[in-house]
């Protein structure tokens, strides 16, 4: 399960912190398991939420910048990140 975590995703990076809490676990026959999360960035770095979730192995659906090729889901036309 995903718990509160923080990370610096590359060596030259500045410290940043994002609290992540699971809200619901979803299962799709076509795309596998997904989790709806509440992410609360404590610092304001560019792409912080996207970078941290990808680093934890939970990329955002539709994120073509931070997901790995092995993590491709069915093609979606937008990033599933909402404020």
N, C-alpha and C. Protein backbone atom coordinates (compact mmCIF):
# COMPACT_ATOMS: atom_id res chain seq x y z
N UNK A 1 0.83 -1.18 0.00
CA UNK A 1 0.00 0.00 0.00
C UNK A 1 0.87 1.24 0.00
N UNK A 2 0.34 2.33 -0.52
CA UNK A 2 1.04 3.59 -0.58
C UNK A 2 0.77 4.35 0.71
N UNK A 3 1.82 4.84 1.32
CA UNK A 3 1.69 5.60 2.55
C UNK A 3 2.31 6.97 2.33
N UNK A 4 2.31 7.82 3.37
CA UNK A 4 2.99 9.11 3.26
C UNK A 4 4.45 8.86 2.95
N UNK A 5 4.94 9.53 1.93
CA UNK A 5 6.31 9.35 1.51
C UNK A 5 6.87 10.68 1.06
N UNK A 6 8.19 10.77 1.03
CA UNK A 6 8.85 11.92 0.43
C UNK A 6 10.06 11.41 -0.33
N UNK A 7 10.51 12.18 -1.31
CA UNK A 7 11.63 11.70 -2.12
C UNK A 7 12.32 12.85 -2.82
N UNK A 8 13.59 12.67 -3.13
CA UNK A 8 14.33 13.49 -4.08
C UNK A 8 14.69 12.53 -5.19
N UNK A 9 14.23 12.79 -6.41
CA UNK A 9 14.29 11.79 -7.46
C UNK A 9 15.55 11.81 -8.32
N UNK A 10 16.41 12.80 -8.14
CA UNK A 10 17.68 12.79 -8.85
C UNK A 10 18.72 13.48 -8.00
N UNK A 11 19.97 13.13 -8.25
CA UNK A 11 21.07 13.53 -7.37
C UNK A 11 21.19 15.04 -7.18
N UNK A 12 20.99 15.82 -8.22
CA UNK A 12 21.15 17.27 -8.14
C UNK A 12 19.88 17.97 -7.66
N UNK A 13 18.85 17.19 -7.29
CA UNK A 13 17.57 17.77 -6.93
C UNK A 13 17.58 18.45 -5.58
N UNK A 14 16.63 19.37 -5.41
CA UNK A 14 16.44 20.03 -4.12
C UNK A 14 15.45 19.20 -3.32
N UNK A 15 15.56 19.26 -2.00
CA UNK A 15 14.63 18.49 -1.16
C UNK A 15 13.18 18.89 -1.44
N UNK A 16 12.32 17.91 -1.47
CA UNK A 16 10.89 18.16 -1.66
C UNK A 16 10.12 17.06 -0.94
N UNK A 17 8.90 17.37 -0.59
CA UNK A 17 8.11 16.43 0.18
C UNK A 17 6.67 16.46 -0.34
N UNK A 18 6.12 15.26 -0.56
CA UNK A 18 4.72 15.10 -0.94
C UNK A 18 4.12 14.03 -0.05
N UNK A 19 3.04 14.34 0.62
CA UNK A 19 2.31 13.34 1.39
C UNK A 19 1.29 12.70 0.47
N UNK A 20 1.24 11.38 0.47
CA UNK A 20 0.35 10.63 -0.42
C UNK A 20 -0.48 9.67 0.42
N UNK A 21 -1.80 9.69 0.19
CA UNK A 21 -2.70 8.82 0.93
C UNK A 21 -3.67 8.15 -0.04
N UNK A 22 -3.79 6.83 0.01
CA UNK A 22 -4.74 6.14 -0.88
C UNK A 22 -6.18 6.42 -0.46
N UNK A 23 -7.03 6.64 -1.44
CA UNK A 23 -8.46 6.88 -1.22
C UNK A 23 -9.28 5.65 -1.62
N UNK A 24 -8.96 5.09 -2.80
CA UNK A 24 -9.69 3.91 -3.30
C UNK A 24 -8.78 3.10 -4.21
N UNK A 25 -8.96 1.80 -4.18
CA UNK A 25 -8.23 0.90 -5.07
C UNK A 25 -9.20 0.45 -6.16
N UNK A 26 -8.77 0.55 -7.42
CA UNK A 26 -9.61 0.24 -8.56
C UNK A 26 -8.97 -0.89 -9.37
N UNK A 27 -9.79 -1.74 -9.92
CA UNK A 27 -9.28 -2.84 -10.74
C UNK A 27 -9.98 -2.80 -12.09
N UNK A 28 -9.18 -2.89 -13.13
CA UNK A 28 -9.70 -2.90 -14.49
C UNK A 28 -9.15 -4.13 -15.20
N UNK A 29 -10.01 -4.88 -15.85
CA UNK A 29 -9.56 -6.07 -16.58
C UNK A 29 -8.58 -5.67 -17.68
N UNK A 30 -8.80 -4.48 -18.25
CA UNK A 30 -7.97 -4.04 -19.36
C UNK A 30 -6.65 -3.42 -18.90
N UNK A 31 -6.66 -2.68 -17.77
CA UNK A 31 -5.48 -1.93 -17.34
C UNK A 31 -4.87 -2.39 -16.03
N UNK A 32 -5.47 -3.34 -15.35
CA UNK A 32 -4.93 -3.81 -14.09
C UNK A 32 -5.32 -2.94 -12.91
N UNK A 33 -4.52 -2.99 -11.87
CA UNK A 33 -4.82 -2.27 -10.65
C UNK A 33 -4.41 -0.81 -10.75
N UNK A 34 -5.25 0.05 -10.18
CA UNK A 34 -4.99 1.48 -10.09
C UNK A 34 -5.44 1.94 -8.71
N UNK A 35 -4.90 3.07 -8.25
CA UNK A 35 -5.27 3.62 -6.95
C UNK A 35 -5.58 5.09 -7.09
N UNK A 36 -6.70 5.50 -6.53
CA UNK A 36 -7.05 6.91 -6.45
C UNK A 36 -6.35 7.44 -5.21
N UNK A 37 -5.56 8.52 -5.37
CA UNK A 37 -4.75 9.04 -4.28
C UNK A 37 -5.08 10.49 -3.95
N UNK A 38 -4.82 10.86 -2.72
CA UNK A 38 -4.79 12.26 -2.32
C UNK A 38 -3.32 12.60 -2.15
N UNK A 39 -2.82 13.53 -2.93
CA UNK A 39 -1.42 13.94 -2.85
C UNK A 39 -1.37 15.38 -2.37
N UNK A 40 -0.59 15.61 -1.32
CA UNK A 40 -0.47 16.94 -0.74
C UNK A 40 1.00 17.37 -0.78
N UNK A 41 1.37 18.17 -1.80
CA UNK A 41 2.75 18.62 -1.87
C UNK A 41 3.04 19.61 -0.75
N UNK A 42 4.16 19.42 -0.06
CA UNK A 42 4.56 20.32 1.03
C UNK A 42 5.54 21.38 0.54
N UNK A 43 6.11 21.15 -0.63
CA UNK A 43 6.99 22.11 -1.27
C UNK A 43 6.46 22.32 -2.68
N UNK A 44 6.87 23.35 -3.35
CA UNK A 44 6.29 23.69 -4.65
C UNK A 44 7.23 23.52 -5.81
N UNK A 45 7.71 22.34 -6.02
CA UNK A 45 8.63 22.08 -7.14
C UNK A 45 7.83 21.74 -8.40
N UNK A 46 8.40 22.08 -9.55
CA UNK A 46 7.77 21.78 -10.83
C UNK A 46 7.63 20.27 -10.99
N UNK A 47 6.45 19.83 -11.35
CA UNK A 47 6.13 18.41 -11.60
C UNK A 47 6.34 17.55 -10.36
N UNK A 48 6.31 18.12 -9.19
CA UNK A 48 6.63 17.40 -7.96
C UNK A 48 5.77 16.16 -7.76
N UNK A 49 4.47 16.28 -7.88
CA UNK A 49 3.57 15.14 -7.66
C UNK A 49 3.84 14.06 -8.71
N UNK A 50 3.96 14.46 -9.96
CA UNK A 50 4.20 13.51 -11.04
C UNK A 50 5.52 12.77 -10.84
N UNK A 51 6.55 13.50 -10.49
CA UNK A 51 7.87 12.92 -10.29
C UNK A 51 7.89 11.96 -9.10
N UNK A 52 7.31 12.36 -7.98
CA UNK A 52 7.31 11.50 -6.80
C UNK A 52 6.52 10.22 -7.03
N UNK A 53 5.34 10.33 -7.62
CA UNK A 53 4.54 9.13 -7.83
C UNK A 53 5.23 8.16 -8.79
N UNK A 54 5.86 8.66 -9.83
CA UNK A 54 6.60 7.80 -10.74
C UNK A 54 7.78 7.14 -10.01
N UNK A 55 8.45 7.91 -9.17
CA UNK A 55 9.58 7.38 -8.39
C UNK A 55 9.14 6.24 -7.47
N UNK A 56 7.93 6.36 -6.91
CA UNK A 56 7.39 5.32 -6.02
C UNK A 56 6.85 4.12 -6.79
N UNK A 57 6.84 4.20 -8.15
CA UNK A 57 6.32 3.10 -8.95
C UNK A 57 4.83 3.18 -9.19
N UNK A 58 4.24 4.36 -8.99
CA UNK A 58 2.81 4.58 -9.19
C UNK A 58 2.60 5.81 -10.07
N UNK A 59 2.97 5.73 -11.36
CA UNK A 59 2.83 6.90 -12.23
C UNK A 59 1.36 7.26 -12.43
N UNK A 60 1.12 8.51 -12.73
CA UNK A 60 -0.24 8.99 -12.97
C UNK A 60 -0.71 8.50 -14.34
N UNK A 61 -1.94 8.06 -14.41
CA UNK A 61 -2.53 7.61 -15.68
C UNK A 61 -2.45 8.76 -16.68
N UNK A 62 -1.97 8.47 -17.87
CA UNK A 62 -1.87 9.45 -18.93
C UNK A 62 -0.60 10.29 -18.89
N UNK A 63 0.31 10.00 -17.99
CA UNK A 63 1.55 10.78 -17.87
C UNK A 63 2.61 10.23 -18.82
N UNK A 64 2.77 10.85 -19.96
CA UNK A 64 3.73 10.37 -20.94
C UNK A 64 5.15 10.81 -20.62
N UNK A 65 5.32 11.76 -19.71
CA UNK A 65 6.65 12.25 -19.36
C UNK A 65 7.35 11.38 -18.32
N UNK A 66 6.64 10.94 -17.28
CA UNK A 66 7.27 10.25 -16.16
C UNK A 66 7.01 8.75 -16.11
N UNK A 67 6.10 8.22 -16.88
CA UNK A 67 5.87 6.77 -16.81
C UNK A 67 6.94 6.02 -17.57
N UNK A 68 7.16 4.78 -17.18
CA UNK A 68 8.09 3.90 -17.88
C UNK A 68 7.32 3.19 -18.98
N UNK A 69 8.00 2.75 -20.04
CA UNK A 69 7.33 2.04 -21.13
C UNK A 69 6.60 0.82 -20.63
N UNK A 70 7.13 0.15 -19.60
CA UNK A 70 6.49 -1.06 -19.08
C UNK A 70 5.21 -0.72 -18.30
N UNK A 71 4.99 0.55 -18.02
CA UNK A 71 3.82 0.96 -17.24
C UNK A 71 2.73 1.56 -18.11
N UNK A 72 2.80 1.34 -19.42
CA UNK A 72 1.80 1.91 -20.32
C UNK A 72 0.43 1.32 -20.04
N UNK A 73 -0.53 2.18 -19.97
CA UNK A 73 -1.93 1.77 -19.86
C UNK A 73 -2.57 1.99 -21.21
N UNK A 74 -3.79 1.55 -21.33
CA UNK A 74 -4.55 1.83 -22.54
C UNK A 74 -4.44 3.31 -22.84
N UNK A 75 -4.30 3.68 -24.08
CA UNK A 75 -4.10 5.07 -24.48
C UNK A 75 -5.21 5.97 -23.94
N UNK A 76 -4.83 7.00 -23.23
CA UNK A 76 -5.76 8.02 -22.77
C UNK A 76 -5.29 9.35 -23.33
N UNK A 77 -6.20 10.30 -23.47
CA UNK A 77 -5.85 11.55 -24.15
C UNK A 77 -5.52 12.70 -23.20
N UNK A 78 -5.40 12.41 -21.91
CA UNK A 78 -5.07 13.48 -20.97
C UNK A 78 -4.46 12.91 -19.71
N UNK A 79 -3.83 13.77 -18.94
CA UNK A 79 -3.23 13.41 -17.67
C UNK A 79 -4.32 13.36 -16.59
N UNK A 80 -4.39 12.28 -15.85
CA UNK A 80 -5.41 12.12 -14.80
C UNK A 80 -4.90 12.70 -13.47
N UNK A 81 -4.64 14.00 -13.49
CA UNK A 81 -4.20 14.73 -12.31
C UNK A 81 -5.14 15.90 -12.14
N UNK A 82 -5.84 15.95 -11.02
CA UNK A 82 -6.84 16.98 -10.81
C UNK A 82 -6.57 17.70 -9.50
N UNK A 83 -6.78 19.01 -9.52
CA UNK A 83 -6.60 19.81 -8.30
C UNK A 83 -7.93 20.05 -7.62
